Amino acid sequence: MANEVVDHGRRRFLTATTAVVGGAGVVAAAVPFIKSWEPSARAKAAGAPVVADISKVESGQMVRYGWRSVPVFVVNRTKEQVATLTTKDVESRLKDPNCDVTSQQPAYAKNPHRSIKPEWLVMIGICTHLGCVPDYKPKVGPEPFDPDWKSGFYCPCHKSRYDIAGRVYDGVPAPLNMVIPPYHFMDDTHIQIGVNPKGAS
């Protein structure tokens, strides 16, 4: 036995084979473990951009879309509604008429209509007070909560009011204008919510 010749070639082969099989086993065990760190398909979908087809949204109508688990209001504003946005009687009643709190909208929406195109409002439909979903009140005319109502959004939870651009009225519990999400027009009939226009940050 002591005089047996050691087959070094066979030993190297067995060592290499064991290392390869062991390495493959480690990789096979690691893949599902590492995959478990990735967000689920549901989580990815929740944060993914949403395409809104606006081809059938009539003037004065609002539709809702879900993005990142929040409602997004898309409103096709009438000419009368757009005209109210720059009147002194509306602007003088707002907390932040010039949209100076920049965290509430992207730079391309820092204007009186808070949008890329004046007639289209794209806005996260959450009240900035305690997170209720405000009602859309499209009528330009007296409402029980405001005899000089010029259309906009009314929060039934604590009576906060916003104009038709989501700018908050003074003297209500809500502290800030409603949030404008990143979005852009893909074409004349589709908006992508969650992605800024090309060249915008």
N, C-alpha and C. Protein backbone atom coordinates (compact mmCIF):
# COMPACT_ATOMS: atom_id res chain seq x y z
N MET A 1 0.84 -1.20 0.00
CA MET A 1 0.00 0.00 0.00
C MET A 1 0.87 1.24 0.00
N ALA A 2 1.93 1.26 0.80
CA ALA A 2 2.78 2.43 0.91
C ALA A 2 3.53 2.69 -0.38
N ASN A 3 3.68 1.63 -1.17
CA ASN A 3 4.44 1.78 -2.42
C ASN A 3 3.55 2.08 -3.61
N GLU A 4 2.23 2.26 -3.36
CA GLU A 4 1.33 2.56 -4.50
C GLU A 4 1.69 3.90 -5.12
N VAL A 5 1.57 3.94 -6.43
CA VAL A 5 1.88 5.18 -7.16
C VAL A 5 0.66 6.09 -7.09
N VAL A 6 0.88 7.33 -6.74
CA VAL A 6 -0.22 8.31 -6.68
C VAL A 6 -0.47 8.83 -8.09
N ASP A 7 -1.76 8.77 -8.48
CA ASP A 7 -2.13 9.29 -9.81
C ASP A 7 -2.47 10.77 -9.66
N HIS A 8 -1.47 11.62 -9.88
CA HIS A 8 -1.66 13.07 -9.70
C HIS A 8 -2.68 13.64 -10.68
N GLY A 9 -2.71 13.11 -11.87
CA GLY A 9 -3.68 13.58 -12.88
C GLY A 9 -5.11 13.36 -12.43
N ARG A 10 -5.34 12.14 -11.89
CA ARG A 10 -6.69 11.83 -11.42
C ARG A 10 -7.06 12.71 -10.22
N ARG A 11 -6.10 12.92 -9.34
CA ARG A 11 -6.34 13.75 -8.16
C ARG A 11 -6.71 15.18 -8.57
N ARG A 12 -5.95 15.74 -9.51
CA ARG A 12 -6.26 17.10 -10.00
C ARG A 12 -7.65 17.15 -10.63
N PHE A 13 -7.99 16.11 -11.40
CA PHE A 13 -9.31 16.05 -12.05
C PHE A 13 -10.42 16.04 -11.00
N LEU A 14 -10.26 15.18 -9.97
CA LEU A 14 -11.30 15.10 -8.92
C LEU A 14 -11.41 16.41 -8.13
N THR A 15 -10.26 17.03 -7.86
CA THR A 15 -10.27 18.30 -7.13
C THR A 15 -10.97 19.38 -7.96
N ALA A 16 -10.63 19.45 -9.24
CA ALA A 16 -11.25 20.46 -10.12
C ALA A 16 -12.75 20.21 -10.26
N THR A 17 -13.13 18.94 -10.43
CA THR A 17 -14.55 18.59 -10.58
C THR A 17 -15.33 18.96 -9.31
N THR A 18 -14.78 18.66 -8.17
CA THR A 18 -15.43 18.99 -6.89
C THR A 18 -15.60 20.50 -6.75
N ALA A 19 -14.55 21.24 -7.12
CA ALA A 19 -14.61 22.71 -7.03
C ALA A 19 -15.69 23.27 -7.95
N VAL A 20 -15.74 22.73 -9.17
CA VAL A 20 -16.74 23.22 -10.16
C VAL A 20 -18.16 22.91 -9.67
N VAL A 21 -18.38 21.66 -9.25
CA VAL A 21 -19.72 21.27 -8.78
C VAL A 21 -20.11 22.08 -7.54
N GLY A 22 -19.15 22.26 -6.62
CA GLY A 22 -19.42 23.07 -5.42
C GLY A 22 -19.73 24.51 -5.78
N GLY A 23 -18.96 25.08 -6.71
CA GLY A 23 -19.21 26.47 -7.15
C GLY A 23 -20.56 26.62 -7.80
N ALA A 24 -20.92 25.62 -8.63
CA ALA A 24 -22.24 25.67 -9.29
C ALA A 24 -23.35 25.60 -8.25
N GLY A 25 -23.12 24.78 -7.19
CA GLY A 25 -24.12 24.69 -6.13
C GLY A 25 -24.29 26.00 -5.39
N VAL A 26 -23.17 26.68 -5.12
CA VAL A 26 -23.23 27.98 -4.44
C VAL A 26 -23.99 28.99 -5.30
N VAL A 27 -23.67 29.02 -6.61
CA VAL A 27 -24.37 29.94 -7.52
C VAL A 27 -25.86 29.62 -7.56
N ALA A 28 -26.19 28.33 -7.68
CA ALA A 28 -27.60 27.93 -7.75
C ALA A 28 -28.36 28.33 -6.48
N ALA A 29 -27.68 28.25 -5.34
CA ALA A 29 -28.33 28.64 -4.08
C ALA A 29 -28.42 30.15 -3.94
N ALA A 30 -27.42 30.87 -4.50
CA ALA A 30 -27.37 32.33 -4.35
C ALA A 30 -28.38 33.04 -5.23
N VAL A 31 -28.66 32.49 -6.42
CA VAL A 31 -29.54 33.20 -7.37
C VAL A 31 -30.91 33.49 -6.77
N PRO A 32 -31.64 32.47 -6.23
CA PRO A 32 -32.94 32.82 -5.65
C PRO A 32 -32.84 33.76 -4.45
N PHE A 33 -31.74 33.63 -3.68
CA PHE A 33 -31.55 34.50 -2.53
C PHE A 33 -31.40 35.96 -2.97
N ILE A 34 -30.56 36.20 -3.99
CA ILE A 34 -30.36 37.56 -4.51
C ILE A 34 -31.63 38.07 -5.19
N LYS A 35 -32.32 37.18 -5.90
CA LYS A 35 -33.58 37.57 -6.56
C LYS A 35 -34.60 38.05 -5.54
N SER A 36 -34.54 37.47 -4.32
CA SER A 36 -35.52 37.86 -3.30
C SER A 36 -35.33 39.30 -2.85
N TRP A 37 -34.17 39.89 -3.12
CA TRP A 37 -33.93 41.29 -2.76
C TRP A 37 -34.58 42.25 -3.74
N GLU A 38 -34.86 41.79 -4.95
CA GLU A 38 -35.44 42.67 -5.97
C GLU A 38 -36.90 42.94 -5.65
N PRO A 39 -37.40 44.11 -6.08
CA PRO A 39 -38.82 44.39 -5.86
C PRO A 39 -39.69 43.42 -6.65
N SER A 40 -40.84 43.09 -6.12
CA SER A 40 -41.75 42.18 -6.80
C SER A 40 -42.31 42.83 -8.06
N ALA A 41 -42.90 42.01 -8.91
CA ALA A 41 -43.53 42.54 -10.13
C ALA A 41 -44.62 43.53 -9.77
N ARG A 42 -45.32 43.26 -8.69
CA ARG A 42 -46.39 44.16 -8.24
C ARG A 42 -45.81 45.51 -7.82
N ALA A 43 -44.68 45.46 -7.08
CA ALA A 43 -44.03 46.70 -6.64
C ALA A 43 -43.50 47.49 -7.83
N LYS A 44 -42.91 46.78 -8.80
CA LYS A 44 -42.42 47.46 -10.01
C LYS A 44 -43.56 48.13 -10.75
N ALA A 45 -44.69 47.40 -10.87
CA ALA A 45 -45.84 47.95 -11.59
C ALA A 45 -46.41 49.16 -10.86
N ALA A 46 -46.37 49.14 -9.53
CA ALA A 46 -46.92 50.26 -8.74
C ALA A 46 -46.16 51.55 -9.00
N GLY A 47 -44.87 51.46 -9.27
CA GLY A 47 -44.07 52.66 -9.51
C GLY A 47 -43.83 52.95 -10.97
N ALA A 48 -44.32 52.09 -11.83
CA ALA A 48 -44.08 52.25 -13.27
C ALA A 48 -44.89 53.42 -13.83
N PRO A 49 -44.40 54.04 -14.90
CA PRO A 49 -45.19 55.10 -15.54
C PRO A 49 -46.53 54.56 -16.05
N VAL A 50 -47.51 55.44 -16.10
CA VAL A 50 -48.86 55.08 -16.55
C VAL A 50 -49.19 55.92 -17.78
N VAL A 51 -49.76 55.28 -18.79
CA VAL A 51 -50.18 56.00 -19.99
C VAL A 51 -51.68 56.28 -19.88
N ALA A 52 -52.05 57.54 -20.01
CA ALA A 52 -53.45 57.96 -19.94
C ALA A 52 -53.93 58.32 -21.35
N ASP A 53 -54.97 57.62 -21.80
CA ASP A 53 -55.58 57.94 -23.09
C ASP A 53 -56.60 59.06 -22.86
N ILE A 54 -56.33 60.24 -23.42
CA ILE A 54 -57.21 61.40 -23.17
C ILE A 54 -58.09 61.72 -24.39
N SER A 55 -58.11 60.81 -25.35
CA SER A 55 -58.82 61.08 -26.61
C SER A 55 -60.32 61.26 -26.42
N LYS A 56 -60.90 60.65 -25.37
CA LYS A 56 -62.35 60.72 -25.18
C LYS A 56 -62.75 61.58 -23.99
N VAL A 57 -61.79 62.30 -23.40
CA VAL A 57 -62.11 63.14 -22.23
C VAL A 57 -62.69 64.46 -22.75
N GLU A 58 -63.94 64.70 -22.42
CA GLU A 58 -64.64 65.88 -22.93
C GLU A 58 -64.25 67.14 -22.16
N SER A 59 -64.49 68.27 -22.76
CA SER A 59 -64.19 69.55 -22.12
C SER A 59 -64.96 69.67 -20.81
N GLY A 60 -64.25 69.98 -19.74
CA GLY A 60 -64.88 70.09 -18.42
C GLY A 60 -64.89 68.79 -17.64
N GLN A 61 -64.51 67.69 -18.27
CA GLN A 61 -64.56 66.38 -17.62
C GLN A 61 -63.24 66.06 -16.91
N MET A 62 -63.35 65.29 -15.81
CA MET A 62 -62.18 64.79 -15.10
C MET A 62 -62.20 63.27 -15.11
N VAL A 63 -61.03 62.66 -15.34
CA VAL A 63 -60.88 61.21 -15.22
C VAL A 63 -59.77 60.94 -14.20
N ARG A 64 -59.80 59.75 -13.61
CA ARG A 64 -58.79 59.37 -12.61
C ARG A 64 -57.96 58.20 -13.11
N TYR A 65 -56.70 58.25 -12.78
CA TYR A 65 -55.78 57.15 -13.05
C TYR A 65 -55.04 56.84 -11.75
N GLY A 66 -54.57 55.61 -11.62
CA GLY A 66 -53.76 55.25 -10.46
C GLY A 66 -52.29 55.22 -10.84
N TRP A 67 -51.47 55.84 -10.02
CA TRP A 67 -50.01 55.83 -10.22
C TRP A 67 -49.34 55.84 -8.86
N ARG A 68 -48.44 54.88 -8.62
CA ARG A 68 -47.76 54.74 -7.33
C ARG A 68 -48.75 54.71 -6.17
N SER A 69 -49.84 54.03 -6.39
CA SER A 69 -50.88 53.84 -5.36
C SER A 69 -51.58 55.13 -4.94
N VAL A 70 -51.53 56.15 -5.77
CA VAL A 70 -52.28 57.38 -5.49
C VAL A 70 -53.14 57.71 -6.71
N PRO A 71 -54.27 58.41 -6.48
CA PRO A 71 -55.08 58.83 -7.62
C PRO A 71 -54.46 60.03 -8.32
N VAL A 72 -54.51 60.01 -9.64
CA VAL A 72 -54.06 61.15 -10.43
C VAL A 72 -55.28 61.67 -11.20
N PHE A 73 -55.58 62.96 -10.99
CA PHE A 73 -56.68 63.60 -11.69
C PHE A 73 -56.17 64.14 -13.03
N VAL A 74 -56.90 63.84 -14.10
CA VAL A 74 -56.62 64.44 -15.40
C VAL A 74 -57.89 65.19 -15.80
N VAL A 75 -57.77 66.51 -15.93
CA VAL A 75 -58.93 67.35 -16.21
C VAL A 75 -58.74 68.07 -17.53
N ASN A 76 -59.75 67.97 -18.38
CA ASN A 76 -59.79 68.76 -19.62
C ASN A 76 -60.56 70.04 -19.30
N ARG A 77 -59.83 71.08 -18.94
CA ARG A 77 -60.46 72.32 -18.47
C ARG A 77 -61.13 73.08 -19.61
N THR A 78 -62.26 73.68 -19.29
CA THR A 78 -62.96 74.50 -20.27
C THR A 78 -62.23 75.85 -20.39
N LYS A 79 -62.55 76.59 -21.44
CA LYS A 79 -61.97 77.93 -21.61
C LYS A 79 -62.37 78.83 -20.44
N GLU A 80 -63.61 78.67 -19.97
CA GLU A 80 -64.08 79.47 -18.83
C GLU A 80 -63.26 79.15 -17.58
N GLN A 81 -62.99 77.87 -17.34
CA GLN A 81 -62.19 77.48 -16.18
C GLN A 81 -60.77 78.04 -16.27
N VAL A 82 -60.15 77.91 -17.44
CA VAL A 82 -58.78 78.42 -17.64
C VAL A 82 -58.74 79.92 -17.41
N ALA A 83 -59.76 80.62 -17.87
CA ALA A 83 -59.81 82.09 -17.74
C ALA A 83 -59.84 82.53 -16.28
N THR A 84 -60.40 81.70 -15.38
CA THR A 84 -60.48 82.09 -13.96
C THR A 84 -59.11 82.10 -13.29
N LEU A 85 -58.14 81.40 -13.85
CA LEU A 85 -56.84 81.20 -13.19
C LEU A 85 -56.01 82.47 -13.04
N THR A 86 -56.26 83.46 -13.88
CA THR A 86 -55.46 84.69 -13.80
C THR A 86 -56.27 85.89 -13.36
N THR A 87 -57.48 85.67 -12.86
CA THR A 87 -58.29 86.79 -12.39
C THR A 87 -57.83 87.18 -10.99
N LYS A 88 -57.88 88.47 -10.72
CA LYS A 88 -57.44 88.99 -9.42
C LYS A 88 -58.29 88.44 -8.28
N ASP A 89 -59.61 88.26 -8.52
CA ASP A 89 -60.46 87.81 -7.42
C ASP A 89 -60.14 86.37 -7.00
N VAL A 90 -59.56 85.56 -7.89
CA VAL A 90 -59.12 84.22 -7.49
C VAL A 90 -57.72 84.29 -6.89
N GLU A 91 -56.78 84.92 -7.59
CA GLU A 91 -55.39 84.96 -7.12
C GLU A 91 -55.25 85.60 -5.74
N SER A 92 -56.07 86.61 -5.46
CA SER A 92 -55.97 87.30 -4.17
C SER A 92 -56.43 86.42 -3.00
N ARG A 93 -57.13 85.32 -3.30
CA ARG A 93 -57.64 84.44 -2.25
C ARG A 93 -56.78 83.20 -2.02
N LEU A 94 -55.67 83.09 -2.75
CA LEU A 94 -54.84 81.89 -2.69
C LEU A 94 -53.63 82.06 -1.77
N LYS A 95 -53.19 80.96 -1.13
CA LYS A 95 -51.99 81.00 -0.28
C LYS A 95 -50.72 81.13 -1.10
N ASP A 96 -50.65 80.42 -2.22
CA ASP A 96 -49.43 80.38 -3.03
C ASP A 96 -49.80 80.51 -4.51
N PRO A 97 -50.31 81.68 -4.91
CA PRO A 97 -50.79 81.83 -6.29
C PRO A 97 -49.69 81.68 -7.34
N ASN A 98 -48.45 82.03 -6.99
CA ASN A 98 -47.35 81.96 -7.95
C ASN A 98 -46.57 80.65 -7.89
N CYS A 99 -47.08 79.71 -7.13
CA CYS A 99 -46.47 78.37 -7.04
C CYS A 99 -45.02 78.46 -6.60
N ASP A 100 -44.75 79.26 -5.57
CA ASP A 100 -43.38 79.46 -5.10
C ASP A 100 -42.82 78.26 -4.34
N VAL A 101 -43.70 77.43 -3.77
CA VAL A 101 -43.22 76.20 -3.11
C VAL A 101 -42.94 75.20 -4.22
N THR A 102 -41.68 75.14 -4.63
CA THR A 102 -41.31 74.39 -5.84
C THR A 102 -41.46 72.89 -5.71
N SER A 103 -41.53 72.38 -4.48
CA SER A 103 -41.68 70.93 -4.31
C SER A 103 -43.06 70.44 -4.76
N GLN A 104 -44.00 71.34 -4.97
CA GLN A 104 -45.37 70.95 -5.32
C GLN A 104 -45.60 70.78 -6.82
N GLN A 105 -44.64 71.19 -7.64
CA GLN A 105 -44.78 71.00 -9.08
C GLN A 105 -43.41 71.07 -9.75
N PRO A 106 -43.26 70.37 -10.89
CA PRO A 106 -42.00 70.50 -11.65
C PRO A 106 -41.87 71.91 -12.21
N ALA A 107 -40.66 72.29 -12.60
CA ALA A 107 -40.41 73.65 -13.11
C ALA A 107 -41.27 73.96 -14.34
N TYR A 108 -41.53 72.96 -15.18
CA TYR A 108 -42.34 73.21 -16.39
C TYR A 108 -43.82 73.42 -16.08
N ALA A 109 -44.21 73.22 -14.82
CA ALA A 109 -45.60 73.47 -14.43
C ALA A 109 -45.70 74.62 -13.43
N LYS A 110 -44.66 75.42 -13.35
CA LYS A 110 -44.69 76.59 -12.45
C LYS A 110 -45.24 77.77 -13.23
N ASN A 111 -46.55 77.80 -13.37
CA ASN A 111 -47.27 78.84 -14.10
C ASN A 111 -48.69 78.88 -13.55
N PRO A 112 -49.50 79.87 -13.92
CA PRO A 112 -50.85 79.96 -13.32
C PRO A 112 -51.72 78.74 -13.55
N HIS A 113 -51.55 78.05 -14.67
CA HIS A 113 -52.38 76.86 -14.93
C HIS A 113 -51.74 75.58 -14.43
N ARG A 114 -50.47 75.66 -13.98
CA ARG A 114 -49.72 74.54 -13.40
C ARG A 114 -49.74 73.31 -14.30
N SER A 115 -49.47 73.55 -15.57
CA SER A 115 -49.51 72.45 -16.53
C SER A 115 -48.70 72.78 -17.77
N ILE A 116 -48.50 71.77 -18.61
CA ILE A 116 -47.78 71.96 -19.87
C ILE A 116 -48.68 72.67 -20.86
N LYS A 117 -49.92 72.19 -20.99
CA LYS A 117 -50.92 72.82 -21.86
C LYS A 117 -52.01 73.40 -20.95
N PRO A 118 -52.41 74.65 -21.17
CA PRO A 118 -53.37 75.29 -20.25
C PRO A 118 -54.66 74.50 -20.03
N GLU A 119 -55.16 73.83 -21.05
CA GLU A 119 -56.44 73.14 -20.91
C GLU A 119 -56.34 71.81 -20.16
N TRP A 120 -55.14 71.24 -20.05
CA TRP A 120 -54.99 69.92 -19.42
C TRP A 120 -54.31 70.03 -18.06
N LEU A 121 -55.02 69.63 -17.02
CA LEU A 121 -54.46 69.56 -15.67
C LEU A 121 -54.17 68.10 -15.35
N VAL A 122 -52.94 67.81 -14.92
CA VAL A 122 -52.55 66.48 -14.46
C VAL A 122 -52.04 66.67 -13.03
N MET A 123 -52.73 66.08 -12.05
CA MET A 123 -52.44 66.42 -10.65
C MET A 123 -52.72 65.22 -9.75
N ILE A 124 -51.89 65.04 -8.74
CA ILE A 124 -52.15 64.00 -7.74
C ILE A 124 -53.35 64.44 -6.91
N GLY A 125 -54.36 63.59 -6.88
CA GLY A 125 -55.63 63.95 -6.24
C GLY A 125 -55.67 63.67 -4.75
N ILE A 126 -54.71 64.27 -4.03
CA ILE A 126 -54.64 64.09 -2.57
C ILE A 126 -54.58 65.47 -1.92
N CYS A 127 -55.46 65.70 -0.96
CA CYS A 127 -55.45 66.95 -0.21
C CYS A 127 -54.16 67.04 0.60
N THR A 128 -53.55 68.21 0.63
CA THR A 128 -52.28 68.38 1.33
C THR A 128 -52.45 68.58 2.84
N HIS A 129 -53.67 68.46 3.33
CA HIS A 129 -53.89 68.57 4.77
C HIS A 129 -53.66 67.22 5.43
N LEU A 130 -54.60 66.29 5.24
CA LEU A 130 -54.46 64.97 5.88
C LEU A 130 -54.63 63.82 4.89
N GLY A 131 -54.51 64.11 3.60
CA GLY A 131 -54.49 63.03 2.62
C GLY A 131 -55.82 62.52 2.13
N CYS A 132 -56.90 63.27 2.33
CA CYS A 132 -58.20 62.87 1.76
C CYS A 132 -58.18 63.12 0.24
N VAL A 133 -59.17 62.56 -0.45
CA VAL A 133 -59.29 62.78 -1.89
C VAL A 133 -60.38 63.84 -2.11
N PRO A 134 -60.00 65.02 -2.60
CA PRO A 134 -61.00 66.08 -2.80
C PRO A 134 -61.99 65.76 -3.92
N ASP A 135 -63.15 66.39 -3.85
CA ASP A 135 -64.16 66.27 -4.91
C ASP A 135 -63.88 67.31 -5.99
N TYR A 136 -64.15 66.94 -7.21
CA TYR A 136 -64.04 67.87 -8.34
C TYR A 136 -65.34 68.64 -8.44
N LYS A 137 -65.25 69.96 -8.38
CA LYS A 137 -66.42 70.83 -8.46
C LYS A 137 -66.24 71.74 -9.69
N PRO A 138 -66.70 71.30 -10.86
CA PRO A 138 -66.39 72.01 -12.11
C PRO A 138 -67.17 73.29 -12.36
N LYS A 139 -68.27 73.47 -11.66
CA LYS A 139 -69.15 74.61 -11.95
C LYS A 139 -68.50 75.94 -11.56
N VAL A 140 -68.60 76.92 -12.45
CA VAL A 140 -68.21 78.29 -12.11
C VAL A 140 -69.48 78.98 -11.65
N GLY A 141 -69.62 79.10 -10.34
CA GLY A 141 -70.84 79.66 -9.77
C GLY A 141 -70.95 79.30 -8.31
N PRO A 142 -71.94 79.85 -7.61
CA PRO A 142 -72.07 79.66 -6.16
C PRO A 142 -72.17 78.18 -5.76
N GLU A 143 -71.49 77.85 -4.69
CA GLU A 143 -71.58 76.53 -4.07
C GLU A 143 -71.88 76.76 -2.59
N PRO A 144 -72.43 75.78 -1.89
CA PRO A 144 -72.74 75.96 -0.46
C PRO A 144 -71.52 76.37 0.38
N PHE A 145 -70.33 75.94 -0.04
CA PHE A 145 -69.12 76.24 0.73
C PHE A 145 -68.42 77.51 0.26
N ASP A 146 -68.90 78.11 -0.87
CA ASP A 146 -68.26 79.32 -1.40
C ASP A 146 -69.21 80.01 -2.38
N PRO A 147 -69.78 81.16 -1.99
CA PRO A 147 -70.72 81.84 -2.88
C PRO A 147 -70.07 82.41 -4.15
N ASP A 148 -68.73 82.52 -4.15
CA ASP A 148 -68.03 83.07 -5.32
C ASP A 148 -67.10 82.02 -5.94
N TRP A 149 -67.59 80.80 -6.03
CA TRP A 149 -66.79 79.66 -6.50
C TRP A 149 -66.50 79.77 -7.99
N LYS A 150 -65.22 79.54 -8.34
CA LYS A 150 -64.79 79.65 -9.75
C LYS A 150 -64.37 78.30 -10.33
N SER A 151 -64.82 77.22 -9.73
CA SER A 151 -64.50 75.83 -10.09
C SER A 151 -63.19 75.40 -9.48
N GLY A 152 -63.07 74.11 -9.20
CA GLY A 152 -61.86 73.58 -8.58
C GLY A 152 -62.14 72.33 -7.80
N PHE A 153 -61.52 72.22 -6.61
CA PHE A 153 -61.58 71.00 -5.82
C PHE A 153 -61.91 71.35 -4.37
N TYR A 154 -62.80 70.54 -3.80
CA TYR A 154 -63.27 70.76 -2.42
C TYR A 154 -63.05 69.47 -1.64
N CYS A 155 -62.34 69.57 -0.52
CA CYS A 155 -62.08 68.40 0.32
C CYS A 155 -63.19 68.26 1.35
N PRO A 156 -63.98 67.19 1.28
CA PRO A 156 -65.09 67.04 2.22
C PRO A 156 -64.66 66.71 3.64
N CYS A 157 -63.41 66.28 3.82
CA CYS A 157 -62.95 65.88 5.16
C CYS A 157 -62.85 67.07 6.11
N HIS A 158 -62.14 68.14 5.68
CA HIS A 158 -61.94 69.30 6.56
C HIS A 158 -62.15 70.63 5.84
N LYS A 159 -62.83 70.57 4.69
CA LYS A 159 -63.30 71.77 3.98
C LYS A 159 -62.20 72.61 3.34
N SER A 160 -61.08 71.99 3.00
CA SER A 160 -60.05 72.72 2.25
C SER A 160 -60.54 72.89 0.81
N ARG A 161 -60.13 74.01 0.20
CA ARG A 161 -60.55 74.32 -1.18
C ARG A 161 -59.33 74.64 -2.04
N TYR A 162 -59.41 74.25 -3.30
CA TYR A 162 -58.34 74.50 -4.27
C TYR A 162 -58.98 75.01 -5.56
N ASP A 163 -58.26 75.87 -6.27
CA ASP A 163 -58.79 76.34 -7.55
C ASP A 163 -58.61 75.25 -8.60
N ILE A 164 -58.96 75.55 -9.84
CA ILE A 164 -58.96 74.56 -10.91
C ILE A 164 -57.53 74.21 -11.37
N ALA A 165 -56.51 74.80 -10.75
CA ALA A 165 -55.12 74.41 -10.98
C ALA A 165 -54.56 73.70 -9.75
N GLY A 166 -55.40 73.46 -8.75
CA GLY A 166 -54.94 72.80 -7.53
C GLY A 166 -54.19 73.71 -6.58
N ARG A 167 -54.36 75.04 -6.74
CA ARG A 167 -53.73 76.00 -5.82
C ARG A 167 -54.66 76.18 -4.62
N VAL A 168 -54.10 76.11 -3.43
CA VAL A 168 -54.91 76.11 -2.21
C VAL A 168 -55.38 77.53 -1.84
N TYR A 169 -56.61 77.60 -1.38
CA TYR A 169 -57.16 78.86 -0.90
C TYR A 169 -56.58 79.20 0.47
N ASP A 170 -56.55 80.47 0.77
CA ASP A 170 -56.13 80.94 2.09
C ASP A 170 -57.25 80.66 3.09
N GLY A 171 -56.90 80.48 4.35
CA GLY A 171 -57.90 80.32 5.40
C GLY A 171 -58.50 78.93 5.49
N VAL A 172 -57.85 77.93 4.90
CA VAL A 172 -58.33 76.54 5.00
C VAL A 172 -57.22 75.71 5.66
N PRO A 173 -57.56 74.51 6.16
CA PRO A 173 -56.53 73.71 6.85
C PRO A 173 -55.36 73.28 5.97
N ALA A 174 -55.59 73.03 4.68
CA ALA A 174 -54.50 72.55 3.81
C ALA A 174 -53.40 73.60 3.70
N PRO A 175 -52.13 73.21 3.88
CA PRO A 175 -51.05 74.19 3.89
C PRO A 175 -50.44 74.49 2.51
N LEU A 176 -50.59 73.55 1.56
CA LEU A 176 -49.87 73.66 0.29
C LEU A 176 -50.77 73.38 -0.90
N ASN A 177 -50.32 73.84 -2.06
CA ASN A 177 -50.98 73.48 -3.31
C ASN A 177 -50.90 71.96 -3.49
N MET A 178 -51.83 71.40 -4.26
CA MET A 178 -51.77 69.97 -4.55
C MET A 178 -50.58 69.70 -5.47
N VAL A 179 -50.11 68.46 -5.46
CA VAL A 179 -48.87 68.10 -6.15
C VAL A 179 -49.11 67.78 -7.63
N ILE A 180 -48.25 68.32 -8.47
CA ILE A 180 -48.24 67.98 -9.90
C ILE A 180 -47.15 66.92 -10.10
N PRO A 181 -47.51 65.75 -10.62
CA PRO A 181 -46.49 64.71 -10.82
C PRO A 181 -45.69 64.96 -12.09
N PRO A 182 -44.57 64.25 -12.27
CA PRO A 182 -43.89 64.33 -13.56
C PRO A 182 -44.80 63.72 -14.63
N TYR A 183 -44.87 64.34 -15.79
CA TYR A 183 -45.67 63.79 -16.89
C TYR A 183 -45.25 64.48 -18.19
N HIS A 184 -45.65 63.90 -19.29
CA HIS A 184 -45.44 64.54 -20.59
C HIS A 184 -46.47 64.02 -21.59
N PHE A 185 -46.64 64.77 -22.66
CA PHE A 185 -47.53 64.36 -23.73
C PHE A 185 -46.76 63.49 -24.71
N MET A 186 -47.22 62.25 -24.88
CA MET A 186 -46.60 61.35 -25.86
C MET A 186 -47.02 61.74 -27.27
N ASP A 187 -48.27 62.19 -27.37
CA ASP A 187 -48.83 62.72 -28.62
C ASP A 187 -50.07 63.50 -28.22
N ASP A 188 -50.92 63.85 -29.17
CA ASP A 188 -52.10 64.68 -28.86
C ASP A 188 -53.15 63.96 -28.02
N THR A 189 -53.10 62.65 -27.94
CA THR A 189 -54.16 61.91 -27.24
C THR A 189 -53.65 61.02 -26.11
N HIS A 190 -52.36 61.10 -25.79
CA HIS A 190 -51.82 60.26 -24.72
C HIS A 190 -50.85 61.03 -23.83
N ILE A 191 -51.04 60.88 -22.53
CA ILE A 191 -50.15 61.46 -21.53
C ILE A 191 -49.46 60.31 -20.80
N GLN A 192 -48.17 60.44 -20.56
CA GLN A 192 -47.46 59.47 -19.73
C GLN A 192 -47.19 60.09 -18.37
N ILE A 193 -47.78 59.50 -17.35
CA ILE A 193 -47.62 59.98 -15.97
C ILE A 193 -46.44 59.26 -15.34
N GLY A 194 -45.53 60.02 -14.76
CA GLY A 194 -44.36 59.43 -14.11
C GLY A 194 -43.06 59.69 -14.81
N VAL A 195 -43.13 60.33 -15.99
CA VAL A 195 -41.91 60.63 -16.77
C VAL A 195 -41.96 62.09 -17.19
N ASN A 196 -40.90 62.84 -16.92
CA ASN A 196 -40.81 64.23 -17.33
C ASN A 196 -40.66 64.34 -18.85
N PRO A 197 -40.97 65.51 -19.41
CA PRO A 197 -40.70 65.73 -20.83
C PRO A 197 -39.20 65.64 -21.10
N LYS A 198 -38.84 65.32 -22.31
CA LYS A 198 -37.43 65.24 -22.68
C LYS A 198 -36.74 66.55 -22.39
N GLY A 199 -35.61 66.47 -21.73
CA GLY A 199 -34.83 67.68 -21.42
C GLY A 199 -35.23 68.36 -20.12
N ALA A 200 -36.35 67.93 -19.52
CA ALA A 200 -36.78 68.53 -18.24
C ALA A 200 -36.31 67.63 -17.11
N SER A 201 -36.02 68.26 -15.97
CA SER A 201 -35.57 67.45 -14.82
C SER A 201 -36.69 67.33 -13.82
